[in-house]
Amino acid sequence: MARKSLFAREAKRKRLYEKYKEIRETLKKEGRYDEMQELPRNSSLIRQRNRCVVTGRQRAYYRKFGLSRLVFREKALRGEIPGVKKASW
């Protein structure tokens, strides 16, 4: 399990993104990039990372399931993910 501070940091980034979303879009349309530089860095969408909801792992993340590859494999083998089974041929 990831530290709670990592989840809190991601939540803060989402809040900042929502807060400055409209301002950022209008500045971008008008081409006022100097003023965009003064906005908080964490208010940019690119700063957000996808994290596994179980472990908080950010790498090897499957968007469709919201899980990392490790948790996905465990749940799939236990049959907890509908429609997923181990391939064999």
N, C-alpha and C. Protein backbone atom coordinates (compact mmCIF):
# COMPACT_ATOMS: atom_id res chain seq x y z
N MET A 1 0.84 -1.18 0.00
CA MET A 1 0.00 0.00 0.00
C MET A 1 0.88 1.24 0.00
N ALA A 2 0.57 2.16 -0.84
CA ALA A 2 1.34 3.40 -0.92
C ALA A 2 1.04 4.28 0.29
N ARG A 3 1.94 5.19 0.54
CA ARG A 3 1.73 6.11 1.65
C ARG A 3 0.50 6.97 1.38
N LYS A 4 -0.18 7.33 2.43
CA LYS A 4 -1.39 8.13 2.29
C LYS A 4 -1.09 9.52 1.73
N SER A 5 0.14 9.99 1.94
CA SER A 5 0.51 11.30 1.43
C SER A 5 0.50 11.32 -0.10
N LEU A 6 0.80 10.18 -0.74
CA LEU A 6 0.78 10.12 -2.20
C LEU A 6 -0.64 10.24 -2.72
N PHE A 7 -1.59 9.57 -2.04
CA PHE A 7 -3.00 9.70 -2.44
C PHE A 7 -3.48 11.13 -2.23
N ALA A 8 -3.06 11.73 -1.13
CA ALA A 8 -3.47 13.11 -0.83
C ALA A 8 -2.90 14.08 -1.86
N ARG A 9 -1.67 13.84 -2.28
CA ARG A 9 -1.04 14.71 -3.27
C ARG A 9 -1.78 14.64 -4.60
N GLU A 10 -2.16 13.41 -4.99
CA GLU A 10 -2.92 13.25 -6.24
C GLU A 10 -4.29 13.92 -6.15
N ALA A 11 -4.93 13.82 -5.00
CA ALA A 11 -6.23 14.46 -4.81
C ALA A 11 -6.10 15.97 -4.90
N LYS A 12 -5.02 16.49 -4.34
CA LYS A 12 -4.78 17.93 -4.40
C LYS A 12 -4.57 18.38 -5.84
N ARG A 13 -3.83 17.59 -6.61
CA ARG A 13 -3.61 17.92 -8.02
C ARG A 13 -4.92 17.93 -8.80
N LYS A 14 -5.81 17.00 -8.49
CA LYS A 14 -7.11 16.97 -9.18
C LYS A 14 -7.94 18.20 -8.83
N ARG A 15 -7.92 18.58 -7.55
CA ARG A 15 -8.66 19.77 -7.13
C ARG A 15 -8.12 21.02 -7.82
N LEU A 16 -6.79 21.16 -7.87
CA LEU A 16 -6.18 22.32 -8.51
C LEU A 16 -6.49 22.35 -10.00
N TYR A 17 -6.48 21.18 -10.64
CA TYR A 17 -6.79 21.12 -12.06
C TYR A 17 -8.21 21.61 -12.32
N GLU A 18 -9.16 21.14 -11.52
CA GLU A 18 -10.56 21.56 -11.69
C GLU A 18 -10.72 23.06 -11.42
N LYS A 19 -9.98 23.57 -10.46
CA LYS A 19 -10.10 24.98 -10.08
C LYS A 19 -9.61 25.90 -11.21
N TYR A 20 -8.50 25.54 -11.84
CA TYR A 20 -7.87 26.41 -12.85
C TYR A 20 -8.15 25.99 -14.28
N LYS A 21 -9.01 25.01 -14.48
CA LYS A 21 -9.26 24.46 -15.81
C LYS A 21 -9.75 25.53 -16.79
N GLU A 22 -10.78 26.27 -16.41
CA GLU A 22 -11.35 27.28 -17.30
C GLU A 22 -10.37 28.42 -17.56
N ILE A 23 -9.68 28.84 -16.53
CA ILE A 23 -8.71 29.93 -16.68
C ILE A 23 -7.61 29.51 -17.65
N ARG A 24 -7.12 28.30 -17.48
CA ARG A 24 -6.05 27.78 -18.34
C ARG A 24 -6.52 27.70 -19.80
N GLU A 25 -7.76 27.26 -20.03
CA GLU A 25 -8.28 27.15 -21.41
C GLU A 25 -8.40 28.52 -22.07
N THR A 26 -8.92 29.51 -21.33
CA THR A 26 -9.06 30.84 -21.93
C THR A 26 -7.71 31.47 -22.22
N LEU A 27 -6.75 31.31 -21.33
CA LEU A 27 -5.41 31.86 -21.57
C LEU A 27 -4.76 31.18 -22.77
N LYS A 28 -5.00 29.89 -22.91
CA LYS A 28 -4.41 29.15 -24.02
C LYS A 28 -5.02 29.60 -25.35
N LYS A 29 -6.36 29.81 -25.36
CA LYS A 29 -7.02 30.27 -26.59
C LYS A 29 -6.51 31.63 -27.03
N GLU A 30 -6.32 32.52 -26.05
CA GLU A 30 -5.89 33.89 -26.35
C GLU A 30 -4.39 33.99 -26.57
N GLY A 31 -3.66 32.92 -26.31
CA GLY A 31 -2.23 32.92 -26.55
C GLY A 31 -1.43 33.66 -25.50
N ARG A 32 -1.98 33.82 -24.31
CA ARG A 32 -1.29 34.55 -23.24
C ARG A 32 -0.51 33.54 -22.38
N TYR A 33 0.58 33.05 -22.95
CA TYR A 33 1.35 31.99 -22.30
C TYR A 33 2.16 32.51 -21.11
N ASP A 34 2.49 33.80 -21.11
CA ASP A 34 3.22 34.35 -19.97
C ASP A 34 2.38 34.29 -18.71
N GLU A 35 1.09 34.54 -18.85
CA GLU A 35 0.20 34.48 -17.69
C GLU A 35 -0.06 33.03 -17.26
N MET A 36 0.00 32.11 -18.22
CA MET A 36 -0.17 30.70 -17.89
C MET A 36 0.99 30.21 -17.02
N GLN A 37 2.17 30.79 -17.22
CA GLN A 37 3.34 30.40 -16.44
C GLN A 37 3.17 30.73 -14.96
N GLU A 38 2.32 31.69 -14.65
CA GLU A 38 2.13 32.11 -13.26
C GLU A 38 1.13 31.24 -12.51
N LEU A 39 0.39 30.38 -13.23
CA LEU A 39 -0.53 29.46 -12.57
C LEU A 39 0.27 28.38 -11.84
N PRO A 40 -0.31 27.76 -10.82
CA PRO A 40 0.42 26.69 -10.12
C PRO A 40 0.75 25.54 -11.05
N ARG A 41 1.92 24.98 -10.89
CA ARG A 41 2.34 23.88 -11.77
C ARG A 41 1.44 22.67 -11.61
N ASN A 42 1.00 22.39 -10.40
CA ASN A 42 0.17 21.21 -10.17
C ASN A 42 -1.25 21.38 -10.70
N SER A 43 -1.57 22.53 -11.25
CA SER A 43 -2.90 22.71 -11.81
C SER A 43 -2.96 22.23 -13.27
N SER A 44 -1.86 21.73 -13.78
CA SER A 44 -1.82 21.21 -15.14
C SER A 44 -2.24 19.74 -15.15
N LEU A 45 -2.95 19.34 -16.19
CA LEU A 45 -3.43 17.97 -16.30
C LEU A 45 -2.27 16.98 -16.42
N ILE A 46 -1.20 17.40 -17.03
CA ILE A 46 -0.08 16.51 -17.29
C ILE A 46 0.63 16.08 -16.01
N ARG A 47 0.43 16.81 -14.92
CA ARG A 47 1.10 16.48 -13.66
C ARG A 47 0.42 15.34 -12.91
N GLN A 48 -0.79 14.98 -13.31
CA GLN A 48 -1.52 13.92 -12.62
C GLN A 48 -1.03 12.56 -13.07
N ARG A 49 -0.99 11.61 -12.14
CA ARG A 49 -0.60 10.24 -12.44
C ARG A 49 -1.73 9.30 -12.11
N ASN A 50 -1.90 8.28 -12.92
CA ASN A 50 -2.87 7.24 -12.61
C ASN A 50 -2.26 6.32 -11.57
N ARG A 51 -3.05 5.97 -10.57
CA ARG A 51 -2.55 5.09 -9.52
C ARG A 51 -3.51 3.94 -9.28
N CYS A 52 -2.96 2.81 -8.92
CA CYS A 52 -3.75 1.64 -8.57
C CYS A 52 -4.57 1.98 -7.32
N VAL A 53 -5.85 1.64 -7.34
CA VAL A 53 -6.71 1.97 -6.20
C VAL A 53 -6.41 1.10 -4.98
N VAL A 54 -5.77 -0.03 -5.18
CA VAL A 54 -5.47 -0.93 -4.07
C VAL A 54 -4.11 -0.63 -3.46
N THR A 55 -3.07 -0.60 -4.30
CA THR A 55 -1.71 -0.45 -3.79
C THR A 55 -1.14 0.95 -3.94
N GLY A 56 -1.68 1.74 -4.84
CA GLY A 56 -1.14 3.08 -5.07
C GLY A 56 0.01 3.09 -6.06
N ARG A 57 0.30 1.95 -6.64
CA ARG A 57 1.39 1.84 -7.60
C ARG A 57 1.06 2.65 -8.85
N GLN A 58 2.05 3.39 -9.37
CA GLN A 58 1.77 4.24 -10.52
C GLN A 58 2.26 3.63 -11.83
N ARG A 59 3.18 2.72 -11.76
CA ARG A 59 3.66 2.08 -12.99
C ARG A 59 2.87 0.80 -13.26
N ALA A 60 2.86 0.40 -14.52
CA ALA A 60 2.16 -0.82 -14.95
C ALA A 60 0.70 -0.76 -14.52
N TYR A 61 0.03 0.32 -14.90
CA TYR A 61 -1.34 0.60 -14.50
C TYR A 61 -2.27 0.32 -15.67
N TYR A 62 -3.33 -0.46 -15.45
CA TYR A 62 -4.33 -0.73 -16.48
C TYR A 62 -5.51 0.19 -16.26
N ARG A 63 -5.71 1.12 -17.19
CA ARG A 63 -6.77 2.11 -17.07
C ARG A 63 -8.16 1.48 -16.98
N LYS A 64 -8.39 0.50 -17.80
CA LYS A 64 -9.71 -0.12 -17.89
C LYS A 64 -10.17 -0.66 -16.53
N PHE A 65 -9.23 -1.16 -15.74
CA PHE A 65 -9.58 -1.77 -14.46
C PHE A 65 -9.21 -0.91 -13.26
N GLY A 66 -8.34 0.08 -13.46
CA GLY A 66 -7.91 0.92 -12.36
C GLY A 66 -6.97 0.23 -11.40
N LEU A 67 -6.28 -0.80 -11.90
CA LEU A 67 -5.40 -1.60 -11.06
C LEU A 67 -4.01 -1.71 -11.68
N SER A 68 -3.02 -2.00 -10.85
CA SER A 68 -1.68 -2.28 -11.36
C SER A 68 -1.65 -3.72 -11.86
N ARG A 69 -0.62 -4.06 -12.58
CA ARG A 69 -0.52 -5.41 -13.16
C ARG A 69 -0.46 -6.49 -12.09
N LEU A 70 0.14 -6.17 -10.96
CA LEU A 70 0.28 -7.16 -9.89
C LEU A 70 -1.07 -7.48 -9.25
N VAL A 71 -1.82 -6.46 -8.94
CA VAL A 71 -3.13 -6.65 -8.31
C VAL A 71 -4.10 -7.26 -9.32
N PHE A 72 -3.99 -6.80 -10.58
CA PHE A 72 -4.85 -7.35 -11.63
C PHE A 72 -4.66 -8.86 -11.75
N ARG A 73 -3.41 -9.31 -11.74
CA ARG A 73 -3.12 -10.73 -11.87
C ARG A 73 -3.69 -11.53 -10.70
N GLU A 74 -3.51 -11.01 -9.49
CA GLU A 74 -4.03 -11.71 -8.32
C GLU A 74 -5.55 -11.84 -8.38
N LYS A 75 -6.22 -10.73 -8.70
CA LYS A 75 -7.68 -10.74 -8.74
C LYS A 75 -8.20 -11.62 -9.88
N ALA A 76 -7.50 -11.60 -11.02
CA ALA A 76 -7.92 -12.42 -12.16
C ALA A 76 -7.78 -13.90 -11.83
N LEU A 77 -6.72 -14.28 -11.17
CA LEU A 77 -6.52 -15.69 -10.83
C LEU A 77 -7.54 -16.16 -9.80
N ARG A 78 -7.97 -15.27 -8.93
CA ARG A 78 -9.00 -15.62 -7.94
C ARG A 78 -10.40 -15.57 -8.52
N GLY A 79 -10.53 -15.04 -9.75
CA GLY A 79 -11.84 -14.95 -10.40
C GLY A 79 -12.66 -13.77 -9.93
N GLU A 80 -12.02 -12.73 -9.43
CA GLU A 80 -12.73 -11.56 -8.91
C GLU A 80 -13.02 -10.51 -9.99
N ILE A 81 -12.45 -10.70 -11.18
CA ILE A 81 -12.71 -9.77 -12.28
C ILE A 81 -13.56 -10.51 -13.31
N PRO A 82 -14.80 -10.10 -13.51
CA PRO A 82 -15.68 -10.81 -14.44
C PRO A 82 -15.17 -10.76 -15.88
N GLY A 83 -15.24 -11.89 -16.56
CA GLY A 83 -14.86 -11.97 -17.96
C GLY A 83 -13.38 -12.13 -18.22
N VAL A 84 -12.59 -12.26 -17.16
CA VAL A 84 -11.13 -12.40 -17.34
C VAL A 84 -10.73 -13.77 -16.82
N LYS A 85 -9.98 -14.50 -17.66
CA LYS A 85 -9.43 -15.77 -17.21
C LYS A 85 -8.05 -15.94 -17.81
N LYS A 86 -7.28 -16.80 -17.22
CA LYS A 86 -5.91 -17.03 -17.67
C LYS A 86 -5.94 -17.70 -19.04
N ALA A 87 -5.12 -17.19 -19.92
CA ALA A 87 -5.05 -17.74 -21.27
C ALA A 87 -4.19 -19.00 -21.27
N SER A 88 -4.63 -19.99 -22.03
CA SER A 88 -3.80 -21.18 -22.25
C SER A 88 -4.13 -21.72 -23.63
N TRP A 89 -3.08 -22.10 -24.36
CA TRP A 89 -3.30 -22.64 -25.69
C TRP A 89 -2.30 -23.69 -26.02
